[in-house]
């Protein structure tokens, strides 16, 4: 068997989610998008929905408790169609 530096390529296909946000959270998301556009000199605000994934990613990157727990346990792979663990 050849020893390659790469193994199986992970599935990077985006997963579409539908979520409900409380109205105050959505208004804050809209305000955040407007401030982001203003500070970056953009003419219009980005779609607030496009901010959610980077915000969640940043939150998880900076959550020390999550990072510690993640290092201490094996990865859990969920079946996207059922949400339950794959065997």
Protein backbone atom coordinates (compact mmCIF):
# COMPACT_ATOMS: atom_id res chain seq x y z
CA UNK A 1 0.00 0.00 0.00
CA UNK A 2 1.31 3.46 -0.90
CA UNK A 3 1.92 5.85 1.99
CA UNK A 4 0.28 9.10 1.01
CA UNK A 5 0.11 12.22 3.15
CA UNK A 6 -3.60 12.58 2.41
CA UNK A 7 -6.26 10.15 3.47
CA UNK A 8 -9.91 10.11 2.50
CA UNK A 9 -11.18 13.53 1.49
CA UNK A 10 -13.83 14.68 3.98
CA UNK A 11 -17.31 15.48 2.79
CA UNK A 12 -17.30 19.29 2.58
CA UNK A 13 -20.73 19.49 1.02
CA UNK A 14 -22.72 22.19 2.85
CA UNK A 15 -25.65 21.04 4.93
CA UNK A 16 -28.80 23.11 4.66
CA UNK A 17 -30.62 23.85 7.91
CA UNK A 18 -33.87 25.63 8.56
CA UNK A 19 -33.98 27.46 11.87
CA UNK A 20 -36.35 29.74 13.69
CA UNK A 21 -34.90 32.74 15.49
CA UNK A 22 -36.63 34.84 18.09
CA UNK A 23 -37.54 38.23 16.59
CA UNK A 24 -35.09 40.17 18.82
CA UNK A 25 -32.22 37.89 17.75
CA UNK A 26 -33.11 38.39 14.08
CA UNK A 27 -33.27 42.18 14.55
CA UNK A 28 -29.84 42.09 16.16
CA UNK A 29 -28.56 39.98 13.26
CA UNK A 30 -29.90 42.59 10.82
CA UNK A 31 -28.25 45.37 12.85
CA UNK A 32 -24.98 43.44 12.88
CA UNK A 33 -25.13 43.09 9.08
CA UNK A 34 -25.78 46.83 8.72
CA UNK A 35 -22.87 47.74 11.00
CA UNK A 36 -20.61 45.30 9.17
CA UNK A 37 -21.53 46.90 5.83
CA UNK A 38 -21.01 50.40 7.19
CA UNK A 39 -17.61 49.58 8.72
CA UNK A 40 -16.37 47.84 5.57
CA UNK A 41 -17.65 50.57 3.23
CA UNK A 42 -20.18 48.35 1.49
CA UNK A 43 -23.17 50.02 -0.17
CA UNK A 44 -25.66 47.46 1.13
CA UNK A 45 -25.87 45.09 4.06
CA UNK A 46 -25.19 41.40 3.50
CA UNK A 47 -28.05 38.96 3.89
CA UNK A 48 -28.23 38.35 7.66
CA UNK A 49 -28.56 34.60 7.05
CA UNK A 50 -25.03 34.58 5.58
CA UNK A 51 -23.64 35.73 8.93
CA UNK A 52 -24.92 32.77 10.92
CA UNK A 53 -22.38 30.12 9.81
CA UNK A 54 -19.29 32.33 10.38
CA UNK A 55 -20.69 33.43 13.76
CA UNK A 56 -21.25 29.84 14.89
CA UNK A 57 -17.82 28.80 13.60
CA UNK A 58 -16.15 31.68 15.44
CA UNK A 59 -18.07 30.88 18.61
CA UNK A 60 -16.96 27.25 18.53
CA UNK A 61 -13.34 28.19 17.68
CA UNK A 62 -13.12 30.38 20.77
CA UNK A 63 -15.02 28.13 23.21
CA UNK A 64 -12.27 26.58 25.33
CA UNK A 65 -14.61 24.15 27.05
CA UNK A 66 -15.79 22.84 23.68
CA UNK A 67 -12.22 22.48 22.37
CA UNK A 68 -11.17 20.58 25.48
CA UNK A 69 -14.19 18.26 25.32
CA UNK A 70 -13.70 17.72 21.59
CA UNK A 71 -10.06 16.67 22.10
CA UNK A 72 -11.07 14.26 24.83
CA UNK A 73 -13.70 12.28 22.95
CA UNK A 74 -13.83 10.40 19.67
CA UNK A 75 -15.62 12.10 16.80
CA UNK A 76 -19.32 11.41 16.43
CA UNK A 77 -20.53 11.00 12.88
CA UNK A 78 -24.23 11.64 12.40
CA UNK A 79 -26.41 10.40 9.60
CA UNK A 80 -27.61 13.64 7.90
CA UNK A 81 -30.97 12.16 6.97
CA UNK A 82 -31.91 10.97 10.47
CA UNK A 83 -29.68 12.97 12.79
CA UNK A 84 -28.70 9.77 14.61
CA UNK A 85 -25.21 8.30 14.91
CA UNK A 86 -23.88 6.26 12.01
CA UNK A 87 -22.75 2.74 12.79
